[in-house]
Amino acid sequence: MPQLTLPTTQVRTSYLTGETEAATQEGLSTAWVEAAAADFTSFVEGRRTVRELWGVPVTELWFVDGTEYLGTVLIRHRLSPALARAGGHIGYHVVPGQRRRGHATQMLAQALAVCQQLGLGEVLVTCPVDNLASRRVIEANGGAPARIVDGEAHYWLPTSKQDT
């Protein structure tokens, strides 16, 4: 069963393949993937620690099934004003070859449990208002639409299961 884990060298091949495919599909440079491949052990070590990104502490987790890398979750431990507008506490992506299989829904559910362990009672998750797939993932995890800001749909999600 796939699970969120700290970055690991055990998924080297599938990570590099998946992230190269994602960057190419999105029209982004693959130079960072090539640099990661050159010293993957050091790359992974750097990703396993809480890093400062967007002016806040961030935990990176990979969604893996054995040696198969499926995607990444970034958990931002607090919000900056910019993240409160777009980005929120949790960002995630599934590599192209693994999409439309329910992985994003599982990733977000597992990320909510990690957020609870970090002491976050509820988290903000945002996505472009026209990204219906992401909106379904958020809503499947208990997100209720809160508002739309500059084309970003905002959802607040509890990090613990609510009795219904």
N, C-alpha and C. Protein backbone atom coordinates (compact mmCIF):
# COMPACT_ATOMS: atom_id res chain seq x y z
N MET A 1 0.84 -1.19 0.00
CA MET A 1 0.00 0.00 0.00
C MET A 1 0.89 1.25 0.00
N PRO A 2 0.62 2.19 -0.87
CA PRO A 2 1.43 3.41 -0.92
C PRO A 2 1.35 4.19 0.38
N GLN A 3 2.47 4.84 0.73
CA GLN A 3 2.47 5.65 1.94
C GLN A 3 3.41 6.83 1.79
N LEU A 4 3.12 7.87 2.59
CA LEU A 4 4.02 9.01 2.67
C LEU A 4 5.21 8.63 3.53
N THR A 5 6.39 9.02 3.07
CA THR A 5 7.62 8.73 3.80
C THR A 5 8.61 9.85 3.55
N LEU A 6 9.59 9.93 4.41
CA LEU A 6 10.67 10.86 4.12
C LEU A 6 11.35 10.44 2.82
N PRO A 7 11.89 11.38 2.07
CA PRO A 7 12.59 11.03 0.83
C PRO A 7 13.60 9.91 1.07
N THR A 8 13.72 9.02 0.09
CA THR A 8 14.57 7.84 0.22
C THR A 8 15.27 7.53 -1.09
N THR A 9 16.49 7.02 -0.99
CA THR A 9 17.24 6.64 -2.18
C THR A 9 16.68 5.38 -2.83
N GLN A 10 15.81 4.66 -2.14
CA GLN A 10 15.26 3.40 -2.68
C GLN A 10 14.39 3.61 -3.91
N VAL A 11 13.95 4.85 -4.16
CA VAL A 11 13.09 5.11 -5.31
C VAL A 11 13.82 5.91 -6.39
N ARG A 12 15.14 5.87 -6.39
CA ARG A 12 15.94 6.71 -7.28
C ARG A 12 15.45 6.69 -8.73
N THR A 13 15.38 5.53 -9.32
CA THR A 13 15.05 5.43 -10.74
C THR A 13 13.66 5.99 -11.03
N SER A 14 12.66 5.57 -10.27
CA SER A 14 11.28 6.02 -10.54
C SER A 14 11.11 7.50 -10.19
N TYR A 15 11.84 8.00 -9.19
CA TYR A 15 11.78 9.43 -8.85
C TYR A 15 12.30 10.26 -10.03
N LEU A 16 13.49 9.93 -10.49
CA LEU A 16 14.10 10.70 -11.58
C LEU A 16 13.26 10.63 -12.84
N THR A 17 12.72 9.46 -13.15
CA THR A 17 11.87 9.31 -14.33
C THR A 17 10.59 10.13 -14.18
N GLY A 18 9.93 10.00 -13.04
CA GLY A 18 8.67 10.70 -12.82
C GLY A 18 8.81 12.20 -12.80
N GLU A 19 9.83 12.71 -12.13
CA GLU A 19 10.03 14.15 -12.04
C GLU A 19 10.49 14.74 -13.37
N THR A 20 11.26 13.99 -14.14
CA THR A 20 11.64 14.45 -15.47
C THR A 20 10.40 14.56 -16.35
N GLU A 21 9.55 13.54 -16.30
CA GLU A 21 8.30 13.55 -17.08
C GLU A 21 7.41 14.72 -16.65
N ALA A 22 7.30 14.97 -15.35
CA ALA A 22 6.46 16.07 -14.86
C ALA A 22 7.00 17.42 -15.34
N ALA A 23 8.31 17.63 -15.21
CA ALA A 23 8.89 18.90 -15.64
C ALA A 23 8.71 19.10 -17.14
N THR A 24 8.94 18.06 -17.91
CA THR A 24 8.79 18.14 -19.35
C THR A 24 7.35 18.46 -19.73
N GLN A 25 6.40 17.78 -19.10
CA GLN A 25 4.98 17.99 -19.39
C GLN A 25 4.55 19.42 -19.06
N GLU A 26 5.14 19.99 -18.01
CA GLU A 26 4.78 21.35 -17.60
C GLU A 26 5.63 22.42 -18.28
N GLY A 27 6.53 22.00 -19.17
CA GLY A 27 7.37 22.95 -19.89
C GLY A 27 8.45 23.59 -19.04
N LEU A 28 8.88 22.89 -17.98
CA LEU A 28 9.90 23.40 -17.08
C LEU A 28 11.25 22.77 -17.38
N SER A 29 12.29 23.41 -16.90
CA SER A 29 13.64 22.88 -17.06
C SER A 29 13.81 21.59 -16.28
N THR A 30 14.59 20.68 -16.82
CA THR A 30 14.91 19.44 -16.11
C THR A 30 16.31 19.49 -15.50
N ALA A 31 16.94 20.65 -15.54
CA ALA A 31 18.31 20.78 -15.03
C ALA A 31 18.40 20.36 -13.56
N TRP A 32 17.39 20.69 -12.76
CA TRP A 32 17.44 20.33 -11.33
C TRP A 32 17.38 18.81 -11.16
N VAL A 33 16.65 18.11 -12.04
CA VAL A 33 16.57 16.66 -11.95
C VAL A 33 17.92 16.05 -12.32
N GLU A 34 18.56 16.61 -13.34
CA GLU A 34 19.88 16.14 -13.74
C GLU A 34 20.89 16.35 -12.61
N ALA A 35 20.81 17.49 -11.92
CA ALA A 35 21.70 17.76 -10.79
C ALA A 35 21.42 16.77 -9.65
N ALA A 36 20.14 16.47 -9.42
CA ALA A 36 19.78 15.50 -8.38
C ALA A 36 20.34 14.12 -8.72
N ALA A 37 20.26 13.75 -9.97
CA ALA A 37 20.75 12.43 -10.41
C ALA A 37 22.26 12.29 -10.20
N ALA A 38 22.98 13.39 -10.34
CA ALA A 38 24.44 13.34 -10.23
C ALA A 38 24.90 12.93 -8.83
N ASP A 39 24.15 13.31 -7.81
CA ASP A 39 24.47 12.92 -6.42
C ASP A 39 23.16 12.73 -5.68
N PHE A 40 22.46 11.67 -6.02
CA PHE A 40 21.12 11.45 -5.49
C PHE A 40 21.13 11.27 -3.97
N THR A 41 22.15 10.66 -3.43
CA THR A 41 22.22 10.47 -1.98
C THR A 41 22.23 11.81 -1.25
N SER A 42 23.04 12.73 -1.70
CA SER A 42 23.08 14.07 -1.08
C SER A 42 21.78 14.82 -1.31
N PHE A 43 21.21 14.69 -2.50
CA PHE A 43 19.93 15.32 -2.81
C PHE A 43 18.87 14.85 -1.82
N VAL A 44 18.79 13.55 -1.61
CA VAL A 44 17.80 12.98 -0.69
C VAL A 44 18.05 13.46 0.73
N GLU A 45 19.29 13.45 1.16
CA GLU A 45 19.62 13.90 2.52
C GLU A 45 19.13 15.33 2.75
N GLY A 46 19.30 16.20 1.76
CA GLY A 46 18.84 17.57 1.88
C GLY A 46 17.33 17.69 1.94
N ARG A 47 16.64 16.77 1.28
CA ARG A 47 15.18 16.79 1.25
C ARG A 47 14.55 16.17 2.49
N ARG A 48 15.33 15.40 3.25
CA ARG A 48 14.80 14.72 4.43
C ARG A 48 14.69 15.64 5.65
N THR A 49 15.29 16.81 5.59
CA THR A 49 15.27 17.72 6.72
C THR A 49 14.22 18.81 6.52
N VAL A 50 13.75 19.38 7.62
CA VAL A 50 12.84 20.52 7.52
C VAL A 50 13.65 21.67 6.94
N ARG A 51 13.14 22.21 5.83
CA ARG A 51 13.83 23.30 5.13
C ARG A 51 13.00 24.57 5.21
N GLU A 52 13.65 25.69 5.00
CA GLU A 52 12.97 26.98 4.94
C GLU A 52 12.68 27.28 3.47
N LEU A 53 11.42 27.31 3.12
CA LEU A 53 10.97 27.66 1.77
C LEU A 53 9.79 28.62 1.91
N TRP A 54 9.65 29.55 1.00
CA TRP A 54 8.57 30.54 1.06
C TRP A 54 8.55 31.27 2.40
N GLY A 55 9.70 31.32 3.09
CA GLY A 55 9.78 32.01 4.37
C GLY A 55 9.20 31.25 5.55
N VAL A 56 8.91 29.95 5.38
CA VAL A 56 8.34 29.14 6.46
C VAL A 56 9.02 27.77 6.48
N PRO A 57 8.99 27.07 7.62
CA PRO A 57 9.53 25.71 7.66
C PRO A 57 8.66 24.76 6.82
N VAL A 58 9.31 23.87 6.08
CA VAL A 58 8.61 22.95 5.18
C VAL A 58 9.16 21.54 5.36
N THR A 59 8.23 20.59 5.47
CA THR A 59 8.57 19.17 5.48
C THR A 59 8.20 18.60 4.12
N GLU A 60 9.12 17.88 3.51
CA GLU A 60 8.86 17.22 2.23
C GLU A 60 8.71 15.72 2.47
N LEU A 61 7.65 15.16 1.91
CA LEU A 61 7.40 13.72 2.00
C LEU A 61 7.14 13.19 0.60
N TRP A 62 7.58 11.96 0.38
CA TRP A 62 7.33 11.31 -0.91
C TRP A 62 6.31 10.21 -0.72
N PHE A 63 5.44 10.07 -1.70
CA PHE A 63 4.43 9.02 -1.69
C PHE A 63 4.99 7.87 -2.51
N VAL A 64 5.24 6.75 -1.84
CA VAL A 64 5.91 5.63 -2.50
C VAL A 64 5.16 4.33 -2.25
N ASP A 65 5.36 3.42 -3.17
CA ASP A 65 4.84 2.05 -3.06
C ASP A 65 6.01 1.14 -3.37
N GLY A 66 6.66 0.63 -2.32
CA GLY A 66 7.88 -0.16 -2.52
C GLY A 66 8.97 0.73 -3.07
N THR A 67 9.46 0.41 -4.27
CA THR A 67 10.49 1.23 -4.90
C THR A 67 9.90 2.17 -5.95
N GLU A 68 8.58 2.27 -5.98
CA GLU A 68 7.91 3.13 -6.97
C GLU A 68 7.54 4.48 -6.35
N TYR A 69 8.13 5.54 -6.89
CA TYR A 69 7.82 6.91 -6.47
C TYR A 69 6.56 7.35 -7.20
N LEU A 70 5.57 7.87 -6.44
CA LEU A 70 4.30 8.27 -7.03
C LEU A 70 4.08 9.78 -7.02
N GLY A 71 4.68 10.47 -6.05
CA GLY A 71 4.48 11.91 -5.97
C GLY A 71 5.08 12.50 -4.71
N THR A 72 4.89 13.81 -4.55
CA THR A 72 5.47 14.56 -3.44
C THR A 72 4.40 15.38 -2.73
N VAL A 73 4.56 15.49 -1.41
CA VAL A 73 3.75 16.39 -0.60
C VAL A 73 4.70 17.35 0.11
N LEU A 74 4.37 18.62 0.08
CA LEU A 74 5.09 19.62 0.85
C LEU A 74 4.15 20.15 1.92
N ILE A 75 4.59 20.07 3.18
CA ILE A 75 3.78 20.57 4.29
C ILE A 75 4.47 21.82 4.83
N ARG A 76 3.76 22.93 4.75
CA ARG A 76 4.26 24.21 5.25
C ARG A 76 3.74 24.36 6.67
N HIS A 77 4.64 24.50 7.62
CA HIS A 77 4.28 24.46 9.03
C HIS A 77 3.47 25.67 9.48
N ARG A 78 3.51 26.73 8.73
CA ARG A 78 2.69 27.92 9.01
C ARG A 78 2.49 28.66 7.69
N LEU A 79 1.61 29.65 7.73
CA LEU A 79 1.31 30.43 6.53
C LEU A 79 2.02 31.77 6.57
N SER A 80 2.55 32.17 5.45
CA SER A 80 3.00 33.55 5.25
C SER A 80 1.83 34.26 4.57
N PRO A 81 1.86 35.59 4.47
CA PRO A 81 0.77 36.27 3.76
C PRO A 81 0.61 35.76 2.32
N ALA A 82 1.73 35.49 1.64
CA ALA A 82 1.64 34.99 0.27
C ALA A 82 1.01 33.59 0.22
N LEU A 83 1.40 32.71 1.15
CA LEU A 83 0.83 31.35 1.17
C LEU A 83 -0.64 31.37 1.57
N ALA A 84 -1.06 32.38 2.32
CA ALA A 84 -2.47 32.50 2.68
C ALA A 84 -3.32 32.86 1.45
N ARG A 85 -2.69 33.47 0.44
CA ARG A 85 -3.39 33.79 -0.80
C ARG A 85 -3.37 32.61 -1.78
N ALA A 86 -2.22 31.96 -1.89
CA ALA A 86 -2.08 30.84 -2.83
C ALA A 86 -0.99 29.91 -2.30
N GLY A 87 -1.32 28.65 -2.22
CA GLY A 87 -0.36 27.65 -1.76
C GLY A 87 -0.81 26.94 -0.51
N GLY A 88 -1.19 27.71 0.51
CA GLY A 88 -1.68 27.12 1.74
C GLY A 88 -0.63 26.31 2.49
N HIS A 89 -1.12 25.45 3.39
CA HIS A 89 -0.24 24.61 4.20
C HIS A 89 0.29 23.39 3.45
N ILE A 90 -0.49 22.88 2.51
CA ILE A 90 -0.12 21.62 1.85
C ILE A 90 -0.12 21.80 0.33
N GLY A 91 0.96 21.36 -0.29
CA GLY A 91 1.03 21.28 -1.74
C GLY A 91 1.37 19.84 -2.10
N TYR A 92 0.86 19.38 -3.21
CA TYR A 92 1.13 17.99 -3.60
C TYR A 92 1.07 17.86 -5.11
N HIS A 93 1.78 16.87 -5.60
CA HIS A 93 1.64 16.51 -7.02
C HIS A 93 1.92 15.02 -7.19
N VAL A 94 1.25 14.47 -8.16
CA VAL A 94 1.43 13.07 -8.56
C VAL A 94 2.12 13.09 -9.92
N VAL A 95 3.12 12.23 -10.10
CA VAL A 95 3.83 12.21 -11.38
C VAL A 95 2.88 11.75 -12.48
N PRO A 96 3.09 12.23 -13.71
CA PRO A 96 2.13 11.98 -14.79
C PRO A 96 1.74 10.51 -14.98
N GLY A 97 2.67 9.58 -14.93
CA GLY A 97 2.35 8.18 -15.17
C GLY A 97 1.51 7.53 -14.08
N GLN A 98 1.29 8.23 -12.96
CA GLN A 98 0.56 7.67 -11.83
C GLN A 98 -0.76 8.39 -11.54
N ARG A 99 -1.13 9.33 -12.39
CA ARG A 99 -2.34 10.12 -12.15
C ARG A 99 -3.61 9.33 -12.45
N ARG A 100 -4.70 9.84 -11.88
CA ARG A 100 -6.05 9.29 -12.08
C ARG A 100 -6.20 7.88 -11.50
N ARG A 101 -5.50 7.64 -10.39
CA ARG A 101 -5.57 6.34 -9.72
C ARG A 101 -5.93 6.50 -8.24
N GLY A 102 -6.31 7.71 -7.82
CA GLY A 102 -6.66 7.94 -6.43
C GLY A 102 -5.50 8.27 -5.52
N HIS A 103 -4.29 8.39 -6.08
CA HIS A 103 -3.13 8.65 -5.25
C HIS A 103 -3.20 10.01 -4.56
N ALA A 104 -3.63 11.04 -5.25
CA ALA A 104 -3.67 12.37 -4.65
C ALA A 104 -4.60 12.40 -3.44
N THR A 105 -5.72 11.71 -3.53
CA THR A 105 -6.65 11.65 -2.40
C THR A 105 -6.00 10.98 -1.20
N GLN A 106 -5.30 9.89 -1.44
CA GLN A 106 -4.58 9.19 -0.36
C GLN A 106 -3.45 10.06 0.19
N MET A 107 -2.74 10.73 -0.68
CA MET A 107 -1.62 11.58 -0.26
C MET A 107 -2.11 12.68 0.67
N LEU A 108 -3.19 13.34 0.29
CA LEU A 108 -3.71 14.43 1.11
C LEU A 108 -4.21 13.89 2.45
N ALA A 109 -4.89 12.75 2.45
CA ALA A 109 -5.37 12.16 3.71
C ALA A 109 -4.20 11.88 4.64
N GLN A 110 -3.15 11.29 4.12
CA GLN A 110 -1.99 10.98 4.95
C GLN A 110 -1.27 12.26 5.39
N ALA A 111 -1.25 13.27 4.53
CA ALA A 111 -0.62 14.55 4.89
C ALA A 111 -1.38 15.22 6.03
N LEU A 112 -2.69 15.10 6.05
CA LEU A 112 -3.47 15.69 7.14
C LEU A 112 -3.08 15.08 8.48
N ALA A 113 -2.82 13.78 8.50
CA ALA A 113 -2.39 13.11 9.73
C ALA A 113 -1.03 13.65 10.18
N VAL A 114 -0.13 13.90 9.25
CA VAL A 114 1.18 14.46 9.58
C VAL A 114 1.00 15.88 10.13
N CYS A 115 0.11 16.65 9.52
CA CYS A 115 -0.14 18.01 10.00
C CYS A 115 -0.66 17.98 11.43
N GLN A 116 -1.51 17.02 11.74
CA GLN A 116 -2.01 16.89 13.10
C GLN A 116 -0.85 16.63 14.06
N GLN A 117 0.08 15.76 13.65
CA GLN A 117 1.26 15.47 14.49
C GLN A 117 2.13 16.71 14.68
N LEU A 118 2.10 17.62 13.72
CA LEU A 118 2.86 18.87 13.82
C LEU A 118 2.13 19.91 14.66
N GLY A 119 0.93 19.58 15.13
CA GLY A 119 0.18 20.49 15.99
C GLY A 119 -0.77 21.42 15.25
N LEU A 120 -0.99 21.16 13.97
CA LEU A 120 -1.92 21.98 13.19
C LEU A 120 -3.32 21.39 13.29
N GLY A 121 -4.27 22.14 13.81
CA GLY A 121 -5.64 21.65 13.98
C GLY A 121 -6.44 21.67 12.69
N GLU A 122 -6.20 22.67 11.87
CA GLU A 122 -6.80 22.73 10.54
C GLU A 122 -5.81 23.41 9.62
N VAL A 123 -5.93 23.08 8.35
CA VAL A 123 -4.97 23.59 7.37
C VAL A 123 -5.69 24.17 6.17
N LEU A 124 -5.03 25.11 5.54
CA LEU A 124 -5.52 25.71 4.31
C LEU A 124 -4.89 24.98 3.13
N VAL A 125 -5.73 24.57 2.19
CA VAL A 125 -5.26 23.98 0.93
C VAL A 125 -5.90 24.80 -0.18
N THR A 126 -5.10 25.21 -1.15
CA THR A 126 -5.62 26.00 -2.26
C THR A 126 -5.29 25.31 -3.58
N CYS A 127 -6.06 25.66 -4.58
CA CYS A 127 -5.78 25.20 -5.95
C CYS A 127 -6.45 26.17 -6.91
N PRO A 128 -5.99 26.21 -8.16
CA PRO A 128 -6.67 27.05 -9.13
C PRO A 128 -8.15 26.67 -9.22
N VAL A 129 -8.99 27.67 -9.30
CA VAL A 129 -10.44 27.43 -9.29
C VAL A 129 -10.87 26.50 -10.42
N ASP A 130 -10.13 26.47 -11.53
CA ASP A 130 -10.50 25.63 -12.66
C ASP A 130 -9.88 24.23 -12.61
N ASN A 131 -9.14 23.90 -11.53
CA ASN A 131 -8.54 22.58 -11.39
C ASN A 131 -9.55 21.66 -10.68
N LEU A 132 -10.48 21.15 -11.45
CA LEU A 132 -11.56 20.35 -10.87
C LEU A 132 -11.07 19.07 -10.22
N ALA A 133 -10.02 18.45 -10.77
CA ALA A 133 -9.49 17.22 -10.17
C ALA A 133 -8.96 17.50 -8.77
N SER A 134 -8.21 18.57 -8.62
CA SER A 134 -7.66 18.90 -7.30
C SER A 134 -8.78 19.29 -6.34
N ARG A 135 -9.77 19.99 -6.84
CA ARG A 135 -10.90 20.37 -5.97
C ARG A 135 -11.62 19.11 -5.47
N ARG A 136 -11.77 18.11 -6.31
CA ARG A 136 -12.41 16.85 -5.88
C ARG A 136 -11.56 16.15 -4.82
N VAL A 137 -10.24 16.17 -4.98
CA VAL A 137 -9.34 15.56 -3.99
C VAL A 137 -9.51 16.25 -2.64
N ILE A 138 -9.51 17.58 -2.64
CA ILE A 138 -9.64 18.34 -1.40
C ILE A 138 -10.99 18.07 -0.75
N GLU A 139 -12.05 18.10 -1.53
CA GLU A 139 -13.39 17.88 -0.99
C GLU A 139 -13.56 16.45 -0.48
N ALA A 140 -12.93 15.48 -1.12
CA ALA A 140 -12.99 14.08 -0.67
C ALA A 140 -12.31 13.91 0.69
N ASN A 141 -11.45 14.85 1.05
CA ASN A 141 -10.75 14.81 2.33
C ASN A 141 -11.37 15.75 3.36
N GLY A 142 -12.59 16.18 3.12
CA GLY A 142 -13.30 16.99 4.10
C GLY A 142 -13.19 18.48 3.91
N GLY A 143 -12.62 18.92 2.81
CA GLY A 143 -12.50 20.35 2.57
C GLY A 143 -13.81 20.95 2.09
N ALA A 144 -14.19 22.04 2.71
CA ALA A 144 -15.38 22.77 2.28
C ALA A 144 -14.89 24.08 1.66
N PRO A 145 -15.42 24.43 0.49
CA PRO A 145 -14.98 25.68 -0.15
C PRO A 145 -15.18 26.85 0.80
N ALA A 146 -14.13 27.66 0.99
CA ALA A 146 -14.20 28.80 1.89
C ALA A 146 -14.37 30.10 1.10
N ARG A 147 -13.53 30.27 0.08
CA ARG A 147 -13.60 31.49 -0.74
C ARG A 147 -12.70 31.32 -1.95
N ILE A 148 -12.79 32.28 -2.86
CA ILE A 148 -11.92 32.31 -4.02
C ILE A 148 -11.16 33.64 -3.97
N VAL A 149 -9.84 33.55 -4.09
CA VAL A 149 -8.98 34.73 -4.05
C VAL A 149 -8.08 34.69 -5.27
N ASP A 150 -8.20 35.69 -6.13
CA ASP A 150 -7.34 35.79 -7.31
C ASP A 150 -7.27 34.48 -8.09
N GLY A 151 -8.41 33.82 -8.30
CA GLY A 151 -8.46 32.60 -9.08
C GLY A 151 -8.08 31.34 -8.33
N GLU A 152 -7.79 31.45 -7.02
CA GLU A 152 -7.43 30.30 -6.18
C GLU A 152 -8.61 29.95 -5.29
N ALA A 153 -9.04 28.70 -5.37
CA ALA A 153 -10.09 28.21 -4.47
C ALA A 153 -9.43 27.86 -3.14
N HIS A 154 -10.00 28.37 -2.04
CA HIS A 154 -9.48 28.14 -0.70
C HIS A 154 -10.37 27.16 0.04
N TYR A 155 -9.74 26.19 0.68
CA TYR A 155 -10.43 25.19 1.48
C TYR A 155 -9.72 25.07 2.83
N TRP A 156 -10.50 25.03 3.90
CA TRP A 156 -9.95 24.71 5.22
C TRP A 156 -10.33 23.27 5.52
N LEU A 157 -9.36 22.50 5.97
CA LEU A 157 -9.58 21.08 6.28
C LEU A 157 -9.15 20.80 7.71
N PRO A 158 -9.96 20.05 8.46
CA PRO A 158 -9.52 19.61 9.78
C PRO A 158 -8.46 18.54 9.61
N THR A 159 -7.53 18.47 10.55
CA THR A 159 -6.48 17.46 10.45
C THR A 159 -6.85 16.18 11.19
N SER A 160 -7.95 16.19 11.90
CA SER A 160 -8.42 14.97 12.57
C SER A 160 -9.76 14.59 11.98
N LYS A 161 -10.04 13.31 12.01
CA LYS A 161 -11.32 12.81 11.49
C LYS A 161 -12.44 13.35 12.36
N GLN A 162 -13.47 13.86 11.72
CA GLN A 162 -14.63 14.39 12.43
C GLN A 162 -15.72 13.33 12.50
N ASP A 163 -16.37 13.21 13.65
CA ASP A 163 -17.50 12.29 13.76
C ASP A 163 -18.68 12.86 13.00
N THR A 164 -19.32 12.04 12.20
CA THR A 164 -20.48 12.52 11.42
C THR A 164 -21.70 11.72 11.77
